[in-house]
Amino acid sequence: MVGGATNTTSFGVIAEATTNVSLTNATIDGFTIGIEMQAGTAKIRATTIANCGRGIDLVGGSLDLGTPMDLGANVLQTNKSTGLVVEGSSSVATTLTVNAVGNTWIPKVQGTDANGQYTSGTLRGPYGTSAPSPNNIVIEQPGSKVVH
C-alpha cells in the first residue's frame, strides 16, 4: 500500500504464511492491533500507526521498520499499550530481529529523547513490559532484539 488510511476495530493489516507487505506513506489508525505479523515479510516506511491498542505485534516473520541506509520515518506515538511488541511464538523456538532505525516513538519513554528518537543501539529481550503503559517497545521473546 502506498498512501491511504485504514480503520476498523480488530486488525489493520495481518501478514501470515508467505505474505509480503510493503507500506509507504500510509496511516493505520484505531485498531486493536495495527499490524499483526505472524509470518512473511514487511517493509514499512513513512507510515503512521496511531490510536491502536498495540501498534505492531510481531509473532513471526521478518519486519523492517528502517535501517541505517534506509531510515524508517515511521511514527508510532499514540498507541494505547505499546508501539511494537516482539512476541514470538511459544511453539517455535526462534529469535526475531527487527530493524527499527529512524522512527519517532513516544518522547521521553524507554530512553527516547524529547523528540521521540532513540540513539543508535540494540534492545535485547526480554525487555519492557506492557504495564505501565503506554510503552514504545516490548520484547517478550528471549534472545530477540530490536536495532534502533
Protein backbone atom coordinates (compact mmCIF):
# COMPACT_ATOMS: atom_id res chain seq x y z
CA MET A 1 0.00 0.00 0.00
CA VAL A 2 1.27 3.45 -0.86
CA GLY A 3 -0.74 6.21 0.80
CA GLY A 4 -4.21 5.67 2.17
CA ALA A 5 -5.71 5.07 5.57
CA THR A 6 -7.45 2.15 7.19
CA ASN A 7 -9.79 1.90 10.17
CA THR A 8 -11.99 -0.80 11.70
CA THR A 9 -11.88 -2.46 15.10
CA SER A 10 -9.63 -5.56 15.11
CA PHE A 11 -6.57 -5.65 12.82
CA GLY A 12 -5.33 -3.10 10.32
CA VAL A 13 -3.00 -5.49 8.48
CA ILE A 14 -2.41 -9.20 9.07
CA ALA A 15 0.64 -10.85 7.49
CA GLU A 16 0.62 -14.63 7.53
CA ALA A 17 2.21 -17.53 5.62
CA THR A 18 4.23 -16.11 2.71
CA THR A 19 2.67 -12.66 2.72
CA ASN A 20 4.90 -9.80 1.61
CA VAL A 21 3.71 -6.45 2.96
CA SER A 22 5.04 -3.08 1.85
CA LEU A 23 3.58 0.07 3.42
CA THR A 24 4.69 3.56 2.44
CA ASN A 25 3.04 6.86 3.43
CA ALA A 26 0.09 5.02 4.98
CA THR A 27 -1.94 5.65 8.12
CA ILE A 28 -3.19 2.79 10.28
CA ASP A 29 -5.49 4.21 12.91
CA GLY A 30 -7.84 2.95 15.61
CA PHE A 31 -7.41 -0.84 15.56
CA THR A 32 -6.95 -3.26 18.44
CA ILE A 33 -3.68 -4.24 16.70
CA GLY A 34 -2.45 -2.07 13.83
CA ILE A 35 -0.22 -4.70 12.19
CA GLU A 36 -0.15 -8.38 13.17
CA MET A 37 2.94 -10.12 11.77
CA GLN A 38 2.53 -13.89 12.01
CA ALA A 39 4.83 -14.81 9.11
CA GLY A 40 6.02 -13.40 5.82
CA THR A 41 7.91 -10.15 5.44
CA ALA A 42 7.04 -6.50 5.91
CA LYS A 43 8.83 -3.29 4.99
CA ILE A 44 7.25 -0.18 6.45
CA ARG A 45 8.33 3.40 5.65
CA ALA A 46 6.90 6.86 6.40
CA THR A 47 3.79 5.30 7.94
CA THR A 48 1.84 6.44 10.97
CA ILE A 49 0.45 3.76 13.25
CA ALA A 50 -1.74 5.53 15.79
CA ASN A 51 -4.53 5.09 18.34
CA CYS A 52 -4.27 1.29 18.28
CA GLY A 53 -4.09 -0.94 21.35
CA ARG A 54 -0.77 -2.30 20.05
CA GLY A 55 0.80 -0.65 17.03
CA ILE A 56 2.68 -3.70 15.73
CA ASP A 57 2.59 -7.24 17.14
CA LEU A 58 5.40 -9.43 15.77
CA VAL A 59 4.77 -13.14 16.30
CA GLY A 60 6.91 -14.39 13.41
CA GLY A 61 8.30 -13.41 10.06
CA SER A 62 10.59 -10.55 9.16
CA LEU A 63 9.87 -6.91 10.00
CA ASP A 64 11.86 -3.97 8.59
CA LEU A 65 10.95 -0.60 10.14
CA GLY A 66 14.13 1.12 8.97
CA THR A 67 17.87 0.57 8.53
CA PRO A 68 20.83 2.95 8.79
CA MET A 69 20.87 3.27 4.98
CA ASP A 70 17.06 3.43 4.58
CA LEU A 71 15.54 5.18 7.63
CA GLY A 72 12.02 4.17 8.58
CA ALA A 73 10.49 7.62 9.20
CA ASN A 74 7.51 5.86 10.80
CA VAL A 75 5.51 7.39 13.64
CA LEU A 76 4.38 5.12 16.50
CA GLN A 77 3.39 7.62 19.18
CA THR A 78 -0.24 7.46 20.25
CA ASN A 79 -0.91 3.75 20.70
CA LYS A 80 -2.67 2.84 23.92
CA SER A 81 -0.42 -0.02 25.10
CA THR A 82 2.77 -0.41 23.06
CA GLY A 83 4.13 0.73 19.70
CA LEU A 84 6.00 -2.52 18.93
CA VAL A 85 5.65 -5.88 20.67
CA VAL A 86 8.11 -8.62 19.71
CA GLU A 87 6.04 -11.50 20.96
CA GLY A 88 7.47 -14.52 19.18
CA SER A 89 5.83 -17.91 19.29
CA SER A 90 5.77 -20.38 22.16
CA SER A 91 5.55 -23.24 19.63
CA VAL A 92 8.65 -22.17 17.66
CA ALA A 93 11.94 -21.60 19.46
CA THR A 94 13.31 -18.79 17.34
CA THR A 95 14.76 -15.35 17.87
CA LEU A 96 13.49 -12.37 15.94
CA THR A 97 15.41 -9.28 14.87
CA VAL A 98 13.66 -6.05 13.99
CA ASN A 99 15.47 -3.19 12.30
CA ALA A 100 13.75 -0.02 13.53
CA VAL A 101 16.12 2.84 12.71
CA GLY A 102 14.92 6.40 12.21
CA ASN A 103 11.41 6.24 13.65
CA THR A 104 9.51 8.54 16.00
CA TRP A 105 8.26 7.00 19.24
CA ILE A 106 6.66 8.36 22.42
CA PRO A 107 9.00 11.11 23.70
CA LYS A 108 10.90 10.51 26.95
CA VAL A 109 9.72 6.91 27.32
CA GLN A 110 12.16 3.97 27.47
CA GLY A 111 15.17 6.10 26.59
CA THR A 112 13.82 8.24 23.77
CA ASP A 113 14.66 11.94 23.70
CA ALA A 114 12.21 14.88 23.77
CA ASN A 115 11.51 14.31 20.06
CA GLY A 116 10.77 10.58 20.46
CA GLN A 117 14.07 9.47 18.89
CA TYR A 118 16.36 6.69 20.11
CA THR A 119 20.11 6.99 19.79
CA SER A 120 21.69 4.10 17.88
CA GLY A 121 21.66 0.86 19.81
CA THR A 122 20.12 -2.55 20.31
CA LEU A 123 17.47 -3.68 22.77
CA ARG A 124 17.54 -7.40 23.65
CA GLY A 125 14.69 -9.47 25.01
CA PRO A 126 13.16 -9.83 27.34
CA TYR A 127 12.75 -6.05 27.54
CA GLY A 128 9.99 -3.79 28.80
CA THR A 129 6.51 -4.65 29.97
CA SER A 130 3.03 -3.79 28.78
CA ALA A 131 2.29 -2.10 32.11
CA PRO A 132 2.52 0.66 32.98
CA SER A 133 1.62 1.83 29.53
CA PRO A 134 1.99 3.26 27.03
CA ASN A 135 5.43 1.97 26.08
CA ASN A 136 7.41 2.14 22.87
CA ILE A 137 8.87 -1.36 22.69
CA VAL A 138 8.25 -4.64 24.50
CA ILE A 139 10.35 -7.71 23.64
CA GLU A 140 8.78 -10.83 25.15
CA GLN A 141 10.74 -13.42 23.15
CA PRO A 142 14.08 -14.16 24.88
CA GLY A 143 17.06 -13.57 22.61
CA SER A 144 15.11 -11.44 20.17
CA LYS A 145 16.26 -7.89 19.52
CA VAL A 146 15.30 -4.51 18.13
CA VAL A 147 18.03 -2.48 16.43
CA HIS A 148 17.24 1.23 16.60
